[in-house]
Amino acid sequence: MTSDARGEVEAFILGDRFSCLAGRSAWRQGGITHRHYDVLGSEEAARLMALDLAEFVGSADWSARSFTSFIATFEQPRGVDELRFEELLWQQLQLLHEQDAENHQWAAGYASDPQAREFAYSVAGHPFFVIGLHETHRRWGRRPPFPMLAFNSHEQFTRIKGAGMWDRLAEKIRKQDIKLQGDINPNLQEYEELSEARRYSGRPKPAEWQCPFVPVPVPASGEAGRDRDGERPLDRDRELTPSGA
């Protein structure tokens, strides 16, 4: 894996073309946790991501005023087109969910059916909106140097809306999109009208699109994945570093 993934992520987020101003501010304030993995769509990446995201969820303060996010980047594959990236994105999210389901239930209050309007992706029992970015993305502001998945908390979205900051933030992003590319990202216009799963990869979808994600059936009773002391097993040798690889 590249030895300077953090530097490449920083250059992308702080660059002139990156349209998410909240993400740029969060990086400068140390609010983004970054981990770099080998291959997008792999079981090994899923195993490590499950551990890292569980630790991230357990340590995050969603009530804080500053924005926070978890960014996963991948060394390979590079330069894939948007269809292949979308396939790999959902393959990775499927594998991650299967790992996560061994220890955690789906986020309360959100649907696990990716066709449902109430759907949100769940990791460690927490609801996330996932944003996929890649080198050939049709939006210029979403072209990092390697595949990237950003996990943004729905609880944080709720706090931002409650504070009356949502519309102002969305308007700033729209203005940045127009400045960069001459028009508004269609994903922003579709927001909250249909399942958010349609927007994860950034590729526009026909009305009949079916998400390939399949949630793991909920066990009849009990909760799997705990050790004898009732604790969830975590790889305690792995340590998350805010804004670091």
C-alpha atoms as a PDB file:
ATOM      1  CA  MET A   1       0.000   0.000   0.000  1.00  0.00           C
ATOM      2  CA  THR A   2       1.105   3.552  -0.634  1.00  0.00           C
ATOM      3  CA  SER A   3       3.077   5.139   2.191  1.00  0.00           C
ATOM      4  CA  ASP A   4       1.545   8.583   1.741  1.00  0.00           C
ATOM      5  CA  ALA A   5      -2.190   7.923   1.440  1.00  0.00           C
ATOM      6  CA  ARG A   6      -2.911  10.569   4.053  1.00  0.00           C
ATOM      7  CA  GLY A   7      -1.019  13.194   2.089  1.00  0.00           C
ATOM      8  CA  GLU A   8      -2.934  12.363  -1.079  1.00  0.00           C
ATOM      9  CA  VAL A   9      -6.270  12.532   0.748  1.00  0.00           C
ATOM     10  CA  GLU A  10      -5.334  15.862   2.296  1.00  0.00           C
ATOM     11  CA  ALA A  11      -4.306  17.319  -1.067  1.00  0.00           C
ATOM     12  CA  PHE A  12      -7.634  16.210  -2.557  1.00  0.00           C
ATOM     13  CA  ILE A  13      -9.855  17.507   0.264  1.00  0.00           C
ATOM     14  CA  LEU A  14      -8.065  20.835   0.552  1.00  0.00           C
ATOM     15  CA  GLY A  15      -7.791  21.270  -3.222  1.00  0.00           C
ATOM     16  CA  ASP A  16      -9.771  23.807  -5.223  1.00  0.00           C
ATOM     17  CA  ARG A  17     -12.049  21.199  -6.841  1.00  0.00           C
ATOM     18  CA  PHE A  18     -13.386  19.519  -3.714  1.00  0.00           C
ATOM     19  CA  SER A  19     -16.988  20.712  -3.347  1.00  0.00           C
ATOM     20  CA  CYS A  20     -17.861  19.615   0.223  1.00  0.00           C
ATOM     21  CA  LEU A  21     -16.952  22.632   2.311  1.00  0.00           C
ATOM     22  CA  ALA A  22     -17.962  20.902   5.555  1.00  0.00           C
ATOM     23  CA  GLY A  23     -15.562  18.073   4.789  1.00  0.00           C
ATOM     24  CA  ARG A  24     -12.765  20.523   4.077  1.00  0.00           C
ATOM     25  CA  SER A  25     -13.373  22.299   7.369  1.00  0.00           C
ATOM     26  CA  ALA A  26     -13.564  18.989   9.250  1.00  0.00           C
ATOM     27  CA  TRP A  27     -10.212  17.861   7.862  1.00  0.00           C
ATOM     28  CA  ARG A  28      -8.535  21.084   8.974  1.00  0.00           C
ATOM     29  CA  GLN A  29     -10.015  20.678  12.459  1.00  0.00           C
ATOM     30  CA  GLY A  30      -8.976  17.041  12.790  1.00  0.00           C
ATOM     31  CA  GLY A  31     -12.555  15.778  12.593  1.00  0.00           C
ATOM     32  CA  ILE A  32     -12.036  13.196   9.839  1.00  0.00           C
ATOM     33  CA  THR A  33     -10.772   9.712  10.629  1.00  0.00           C
ATOM     34  CA  HIS A  34      -9.014   8.153   7.658  1.00  0.00           C
ATOM     35  CA  ARG A  35      -7.965   4.546   7.068  1.00  0.00           C
ATOM     36  CA  HIS A  36      -6.344   3.167   3.927  1.00  0.00           C
ATOM     37  CA  TYR A  37      -6.988  -0.391   2.701  1.00  0.00           C
ATOM     38  CA  ASP A  38      -5.647  -2.545  -0.082  1.00  0.00           C
ATOM     39  CA  VAL A  39      -8.425  -3.654  -2.477  1.00  0.00           C
ATOM     40  CA  LEU A  40     -11.943  -2.260  -2.818  1.00  0.00           C
ATOM     41  CA  GLY A  41     -14.482  -5.082  -2.812  1.00  0.00           C
ATOM     42  CA  SER A  42     -12.329  -7.511  -0.818  1.00  0.00           C
ATOM     43  CA  GLU A  43     -13.074  -9.596   2.265  1.00  0.00           C
ATOM     44  CA  GLU A  44      -9.873  -8.440   3.964  1.00  0.00           C
ATOM     45  CA  ALA A  45     -10.840  -4.789   3.577  1.00  0.00           C
ATOM     46  CA  ALA A  46     -14.302  -5.625   4.945  1.00  0.00           C
ATOM     47  CA  ARG A  47     -12.826  -7.320   8.007  1.00  0.00           C
ATOM     48  CA  LEU A  48     -10.587  -4.366   8.820  1.00  0.00           C
ATOM     49  CA  MET A  49     -13.271  -1.788   8.063  1.00  0.00           C
ATOM     50  CA  ALA A  50     -15.706  -3.503  10.432  1.00  0.00           C
ATOM     51  CA  LEU A  51     -13.177  -3.171  13.245  1.00  0.00           C
ATOM     52  CA  ASP A  52     -12.218   0.400  12.394  1.00  0.00           C
ATOM     53  CA  LEU A  53     -15.775   1.666  11.966  1.00  0.00           C
ATOM     54  CA  ALA A  54     -16.924  -0.002  15.206  1.00  0.00           C
ATOM     55  CA  GLU A  55     -14.156   1.823  17.051  1.00  0.00           C
ATOM     56  CA  PHE A  56     -14.993   5.058  15.234  1.00  0.00           C
ATOM     57  CA  VAL A  57     -18.671   4.822  16.211  1.00  0.00           C
ATOM     58  CA  GLY A  58     -17.763   4.013  19.797  1.00  0.00           C
ATOM     59  CA  SER A  59     -15.522   7.047  20.180  1.00  0.00           C
ATOM     60  CA  ALA A  60     -17.380   9.681  18.137  1.00  0.00           C
ATOM     61  CA  ASP A  61     -19.289  12.557  19.734  1.00  0.00           C
ATOM     62  CA  TRP A  62     -22.246  13.125  17.405  1.00  0.00           C
ATOM     63  CA  SER A  63     -23.518  16.032  19.487  1.00  0.00           C
ATOM     64  CA  ALA A  64     -20.372  18.074  18.938  1.00  0.00           C
ATOM     65  CA  ARG A  65     -20.691  21.214  16.848  1.00  0.00           C
ATOM     66  CA  SER A  66     -17.802  20.293  14.565  1.00  0.00           C
ATOM     67  CA  PHE A  67     -18.383  17.891  11.658  1.00  0.00           C
ATOM     68  CA  THR A  68     -16.881  14.402  11.774  1.00  0.00           C
ATOM     69  CA  SER A  69     -16.644  11.629   9.202  1.00  0.00           C
ATOM     70  CA  PHE A  70     -14.906   8.319   8.491  1.00  0.00           C
ATOM     71  CA  ILE A  71     -13.083   8.047   5.166  1.00  0.00           C
ATOM     72  CA  ALA A  72     -11.938   4.720   3.726  1.00  0.00           C
ATOM     73  CA  THR A  73      -9.554   4.789   0.779  1.00  0.00           C
ATOM     74  CA  PHE A  74      -8.262   1.887  -1.296  1.00  0.00           C
ATOM     75  CA  GLU A  75      -5.006   1.313  -3.107  1.00  0.00           C
ATOM     76  CA  GLN A  76      -6.703  -0.691  -5.878  1.00  0.00           C
ATOM     77  CA  PRO A  77      -8.236  -0.757  -8.389  1.00  0.00           C
ATOM     78  CA  ARG A  78      -7.348   2.511 -10.050  1.00  0.00           C
ATOM     79  CA  GLY A  79      -9.083   4.197 -12.970  1.00  0.00           C
ATOM     80  CA  VAL A  80     -12.202   2.000 -13.199  1.00  0.00           C
ATOM     81  CA  ASP A  81     -15.298   3.392 -14.923  1.00  0.00           C
ATOM     82  CA  GLU A  82     -18.401   4.364 -12.942  1.00  0.00           C
ATOM     83  CA  LEU A  83     -20.252   1.092 -13.558  1.00  0.00           C
ATOM     84  CA  ARG A  84     -17.391  -1.031 -12.264  1.00  0.00           C
ATOM     85  CA  PHE A  85     -16.878   1.305  -9.318  1.00  0.00           C
ATOM     86  CA  GLU A  86     -20.548   0.974  -8.399  1.00  0.00           C
ATOM     87  CA  GLU A  87     -20.287  -2.831  -8.522  1.00  0.00           C
ATOM     88  CA  LEU A  88     -17.241  -2.753  -6.249  1.00  0.00           C
ATOM     89  CA  LEU A  89     -18.842  -0.240  -3.881  1.00  0.00           C
ATOM     90  CA  TRP A  90     -21.837  -2.492  -3.271  1.00  0.00           C
ATOM     91  CA  GLN A  91     -19.636  -5.572  -3.096  1.00  0.00           C
ATOM     92  CA  GLN A  92     -17.610  -3.872  -0.367  1.00  0.00           C
ATOM     93  CA  LEU A  93     -20.696  -2.703   1.527  1.00  0.00           C
ATOM     94  CA  GLN A  94     -22.199  -6.193   1.303  1.00  0.00           C
ATOM     95  CA  LEU A  95     -19.045  -7.832   2.677  1.00  0.00           C
ATOM     96  CA  LEU A  96     -18.716  -5.179   5.378  1.00  0.00           C
ATOM     97  CA  HIS A  97     -22.329  -5.715   6.430  1.00  0.00           C
ATOM     98  CA  GLU A  98     -21.841  -9.463   6.668  1.00  0.00           C
ATOM     99  CA  GLN A  99     -18.890  -8.893   8.981  1.00  0.00           C
ATOM    100  CA  ASP A 100     -20.745  -6.273  10.992  1.00  0.00           C
ATOM    101  CA  ALA A 101     -23.906  -8.394  11.368  1.00  0.00           C
ATOM    102  CA  GLU A 102     -21.946 -10.936  13.427  1.00  0.00           C
ATOM    103  CA  ASN A 103     -21.733  -8.373  16.238  1.00  0.00           C
ATOM    104  CA  HIS A 104     -24.290  -5.649  15.642  1.00  0.00           C
ATOM    105  CA  GLN A 105     -27.942  -5.156  14.802  1.00  0.00           C
ATOM    106  CA  TRP A 106     -29.179  -2.725  12.166  1.00  0.00           C
ATOM    107  CA  ALA A 107     -29.431   0.921  13.205  1.00  0.00           C
ATOM    108  CA  ALA A 108     -32.683   1.515  15.089  1.00  0.00           C
ATOM    109  CA  GLY A 109     -35.252   3.579  13.230  1.00  0.00           C
ATOM    110  CA  TYR A 110     -33.831   2.885   9.774  1.00  0.00           C
ATOM    111  CA  ALA A 111     -34.781   0.319   7.136  1.00  0.00           C
ATOM    112  CA  SER A 112     -32.340  -2.343   5.979  1.00  0.00           C
ATOM    113  CA  ASP A 113     -34.198  -2.682   2.661  1.00  0.00           C
ATOM    114  CA  PRO A 114     -32.136  -0.617   0.180  1.00  0.00           C
ATOM    115  CA  GLN A 115     -35.228   0.122  -1.908  1.00  0.00           C
ATOM    116  CA  ALA A 116     -37.014   1.760   1.038  1.00  0.00           C
ATOM    117  CA  ARG A 117     -37.084   5.513   1.461  1.00  0.00           C
ATOM    118  CA  GLU A 118     -36.135   5.009   5.141  1.00  0.00           C
ATOM    119  CA  PHE A 119     -32.960   3.086   4.251  1.00  0.00           C
ATOM    120  CA  ALA A 120     -29.615   4.064   5.740  1.00  0.00           C
ATOM    121  CA  TYR A 121     -26.473   1.973   5.728  1.00  0.00           C
ATOM    122  CA  SER A 122     -25.713   0.585   9.184  1.00  0.00           C
ATOM    123  CA  VAL A 123     -22.367  -0.187  10.796  1.00  0.00           C
ATOM    124  CA  ALA A 124     -21.960  -0.930  14.509  1.00  0.00           C
ATOM    125  CA  GLY A 125     -25.646  -0.112  14.960  1.00  0.00           C
ATOM    126  CA  HIS A 126     -25.153   3.421  13.632  1.00  0.00           C
ATOM    127  CA  PRO A 127     -26.833   4.905  10.523  1.00  0.00           C
ATOM    128  CA  PHE A 128     -24.597   6.269   7.793  1.00  0.00           C
ATOM    129  CA  PHE A 129     -24.960   7.941   4.419  1.00  0.00           C
ATOM    130  CA  VAL A 130     -22.171   6.591   2.207  1.00  0.00           C
ATOM    131  CA  ILE A 131     -20.556   8.707  -0.507  1.00  0.00           C
ATOM    132  CA  GLY A 132     -18.497   6.969  -3.177  1.00  0.00           C
ATOM    133  CA  LEU A 133     -15.758   8.870  -4.981  1.00  0.00           C
ATOM    134  CA  HIS A 134     -13.327   7.702  -7.661  1.00  0.00           C
ATOM    135  CA  GLU A 135     -10.954   8.901 -10.359  1.00  0.00           C
ATOM    136  CA  THR A 136     -13.472   8.833 -13.221  1.00  0.00           C
ATOM    137  CA  HIS A 137     -16.469  10.267 -11.344  1.00  0.00           C
ATOM    138  CA  ARG A 138     -18.674  12.416 -13.568  1.00  0.00           C
ATOM    139  CA  ARG A 139     -18.512  15.216 -10.975  1.00  0.00           C
ATOM    140  CA  TRP A 140     -15.112  16.885 -11.073  1.00  0.00           C
ATOM    141  CA  GLY A 141     -15.208  17.626  -7.350  1.00  0.00           C
ATOM    142  CA  ARG A 142     -15.441  13.910  -6.559  1.00  0.00           C
ATOM    143  CA  ARG A 143     -12.296  12.632  -8.245  1.00  0.00           C
ATOM    144  CA  PRO A 144      -9.769  11.578  -5.585  1.00  0.00           C
ATOM    145  CA  PRO A 145      -6.520   9.835  -6.619  1.00  0.00           C
ATOM    146  CA  PHE A 146      -7.911   6.410  -5.603  1.00  0.00           C
ATOM    147  CA  PRO A 147     -11.289   4.836  -4.687  1.00  0.00           C
ATOM    148  CA  MET A 148     -12.830   6.430  -1.602  1.00  0.00           C
ATOM    149  CA  LEU A 149     -15.890   5.792   0.588  1.00  0.00           C
ATOM    150  CA  ALA A 150     -17.016   8.462   3.059  1.00  0.00           C
ATOM    151  CA  PHE A 151     -19.286   7.413   5.934  1.00  0.00           C
ATOM    152  CA  ASN A 152     -21.339  10.369   7.180  1.00  0.00           C
ATOM    153  CA  SER A 153     -23.559  10.018  10.246  1.00  0.00           C
ATOM    154  CA  HIS A 154     -27.319  10.474   9.955  1.00  0.00           C
ATOM    155  CA  GLU A 155     -27.368  11.527  13.599  1.00  0.00           C
ATOM    156  CA  GLN A 156     -25.032  14.331  12.648  1.00  0.00           C
ATOM    157  CA  PHE A 157     -27.291  15.282   9.732  1.00  0.00           C
ATOM    158  CA  THR A 158     -30.222  15.475  12.162  1.00  0.00           C
ATOM    159  CA  ARG A 159     -28.255  17.768  14.467  1.00  0.00           C
ATOM    160  CA  ILE A 160     -27.273  20.037  11.570  1.00  0.00           C
ATOM    161  CA  LYS A 161     -30.903  20.275  10.438  1.00  0.00           C
ATOM    162  CA  GLY A 162     -32.070  20.958  13.990  1.00  0.00           C
ATOM    163  CA  ALA A 163     -29.604  23.816  14.259  1.00  0.00           C
ATOM    164  CA  GLY A 164     -30.972  25.344  11.052  1.00  0.00           C
ATOM    165  CA  MET A 165     -27.675  24.921   9.189  1.00  0.00           C
ATOM    166  CA  TRP A 166     -28.706  22.306   6.615  1.00  0.00           C
ATOM    167  CA  ASP A 167     -30.153  24.555   3.908  1.00  0.00           C
ATOM    168  CA  ARG A 168     -27.274  26.998   4.185  1.00  0.00           C
ATOM    169  CA  LEU A 169     -24.720  24.205   3.895  1.00  0.00           C
ATOM    170  CA  ALA A 170     -26.524  22.649   0.915  1.00  0.00           C
ATOM    171  CA  GLU A 171     -26.649  26.025  -0.825  1.00  0.00           C
ATOM    172  CA  LYS A 172     -22.898  26.492  -0.404  1.00  0.00           C
ATOM    173  CA  ILE A 173     -22.252  23.069  -1.916  1.00  0.00           C
ATOM    174  CA  ARG A 174     -24.578  23.848  -4.850  1.00  0.00           C
ATOM    175  CA  LYS A 175     -22.772  27.120  -5.527  1.00  0.00           C
ATOM    176  CA  GLN A 176     -19.423  25.333  -5.446  1.00  0.00           C
ATOM    177  CA  ASP A 177     -20.748  22.704  -7.886  1.00  0.00           C
ATOM    178  CA  ILE A 178     -21.949  25.389 -10.282  1.00  0.00           C
ATOM    179  CA  LYS A 179     -18.610  27.184 -10.033  1.00  0.00           C
ATOM    180  CA  LEU A 180     -16.703  23.981 -10.811  1.00  0.00           C
ATOM    181  CA  GLN A 181     -18.916  22.330 -13.389  1.00  0.00           C
ATOM    182  CA  GLY A 182     -21.629  24.756 -14.433  1.00  0.00           C
ATOM    183  CA  ASP A 183     -24.567  22.870 -12.917  1.00  0.00           C
ATOM    184  CA  ILE A 184     -25.888  21.322  -9.688  1.00  0.00           C
ATOM    185  CA  ASN A 185     -25.131  17.723  -8.788  1.00  0.00           C
ATOM    186  CA  PRO A 186     -28.357  15.807  -9.645  1.00  0.00           C
ATOM    187  CA  ASN A 187     -27.884  13.744  -6.476  1.00  0.00           C
ATOM    188  CA  LEU A 188     -28.571  16.841  -4.402  1.00  0.00           C
ATOM    189  CA  GLN A 189     -31.823  17.484  -6.242  1.00  0.00           C
ATOM    190  CA  GLU A 190     -33.010  13.920  -5.601  1.00  0.00           C
ATOM    191  CA  TYR A 191     -32.272  14.084  -1.869  1.00  0.00           C
ATOM    192  CA  GLU A 192     -34.930  12.479   0.398  1.00  0.00           C
ATOM    193  CA  GLU A 193     -37.273  11.729  -2.490  1.00  0.00           C
ATOM    194  CA  LEU A 194     -36.153   8.099  -3.031  1.00  0.00           C
ATOM    195  CA  SER A 195     -33.900   5.616  -1.260  1.00  0.00           C
ATOM    196  CA  GLU A 196     -30.517   7.126  -0.522  1.00  0.00           C
ATOM    197  CA  ALA A 197     -28.901   3.916  -1.794  1.00  0.00           C
ATOM    198  CA  ARG A 198     -29.437   5.287  -5.305  1.00  0.00           C
ATOM    199  CA  ARG A 199     -26.952   8.081  -4.596  1.00  0.00           C
ATOM    200  CA  TYR A 200     -24.052   6.263  -2.952  1.00  0.00           C
ATOM    201  CA  SER A 201     -22.020   5.706  -6.122  1.00  0.00           C
ATOM    202  CA  GLY A 202     -22.810   9.050  -7.742  1.00  0.00           C
ATOM    203  CA  ARG A 203     -24.075   7.443 -10.943  1.00  0.00           C
ATOM    204  CA  PRO A 204     -27.592   8.560 -12.007  1.00  0.00           C
ATOM    205  CA  LYS A 205     -30.101   5.695 -11.883  1.00  0.00           C
ATOM    206  CA  PRO A 206     -33.167   4.825 -13.967  1.00  0.00           C
ATOM    207  CA  ALA A 207     -36.413   4.606 -11.997  1.00  0.00           C
ATOM    208  CA  GLU A 208     -36.393   0.799 -12.140  1.00  0.00           C
ATOM    209  CA  TRP A 209     -32.880   0.412 -10.670  1.00  0.00           C
ATOM    210  CA  GLN A 210     -32.591  -2.355  -8.084  1.00  0.00           C
ATOM    211  CA  CYS A 211     -29.902  -2.188  -5.435  1.00  0.00           C
ATOM    212  CA  PRO A 212     -27.788  -5.387  -5.216  1.00  0.00           C
ATOM    213  CA  PHE A 213     -27.404  -5.128  -1.425  1.00  0.00           C
ATOM    214  CA  VAL A 214     -29.074  -7.901   0.614  1.00  0.00           C
ATOM    215  CA  PRO A 215     -29.311  -7.479   4.405  1.00  0.00           C
ATOM    216  CA  VAL A 216     -28.430 -10.438   6.605  1.00  0.00           C
ATOM    217  CA  PRO A 217     -31.594 -11.939   8.181  1.00  0.00           C
ATOM    218  CA  VAL A 218     -32.074 -10.963  11.825  1.00  0.00           C
ATOM    219  CA  PRO A 219     -31.465 -13.905  14.228  1.00  0.00           C
ATOM    220  CA  ALA A 220     -34.559 -15.295  15.923  1.00  0.00           C
ATOM    221  CA  SER A 221     -33.221 -14.469  19.391  1.00  0.00           C
ATOM    222  CA  GLY A 222     -30.128 -13.205  21.133  1.00  0.00           C
ATOM    223  CA  GLU A 223     -27.228 -11.239  19.732  1.00  0.00           C
ATOM    224  CA  ALA A 224     -24.317 -12.972  18.069  1.00  0.00           C
ATOM    225  CA  GLY A 225     -20.679 -12.073  18.239  1.00  0.00           C
ATOM    226  CA  ARG A 226     -20.103 -11.388  21.940  1.00  0.00           C
ATOM    227  CA  ASP A 227     -17.315 -13.045  23.901  1.00  0.00           C
ATOM    228  CA  ARG A 228     -17.767 -14.779  27.219  1.00  0.00           C
ATOM    229  CA  ASP A 229     -17.596 -11.509  29.161  1.00  0.00           C
ATOM    230  CA  GLY A 230     -20.349  -9.969  27.048  1.00  0.00           C
ATOM    231  CA  GLU A 231     -18.007  -7.725  25.136  1.00  0.00           C
ATOM    232  CA  ARG A 232     -17.738  -7.529  21.361  1.00  0.00           C
ATOM    233  CA  PRO A 233     -14.374  -8.870  20.172  1.00  0.00           C
ATOM    234  CA  LEU A 234     -12.235  -6.125  18.672  1.00  0.00           C
ATOM    235  CA  ASP A 235      -8.720  -6.177  17.345  1.00  0.00           C
ATOM    236  CA  ARG A 236      -7.216  -4.065  20.126  1.00  0.00           C
ATOM    237  CA  ASP A 237      -3.906  -3.744  18.306  1.00  0.00           C
ATOM    238  CA  ARG A 238      -5.521  -1.522  15.654  1.00  0.00           C
ATOM    239  CA  GLU A 239      -5.664   2.150  16.490  1.00  0.00           C
ATOM    240  CA  LEU A 240      -7.622   4.834  14.667  1.00  0.00           C
ATOM    241  CA  THR A 241      -5.883   8.092  13.934  1.00  0.00           C
ATOM    242  CA  PRO A 242      -7.987  11.208  13.242  1.00  0.00           C
ATOM    243  CA  SER A 243      -7.104  12.609   9.828  1.00  0.00           C
ATOM    244  CA  GLY A 244      -4.426   9.952   9.442  1.00  0.00           C
ATOM    245  CA  ALA A 245      -3.717   6.801   7.443  1.00  0.00           C
END
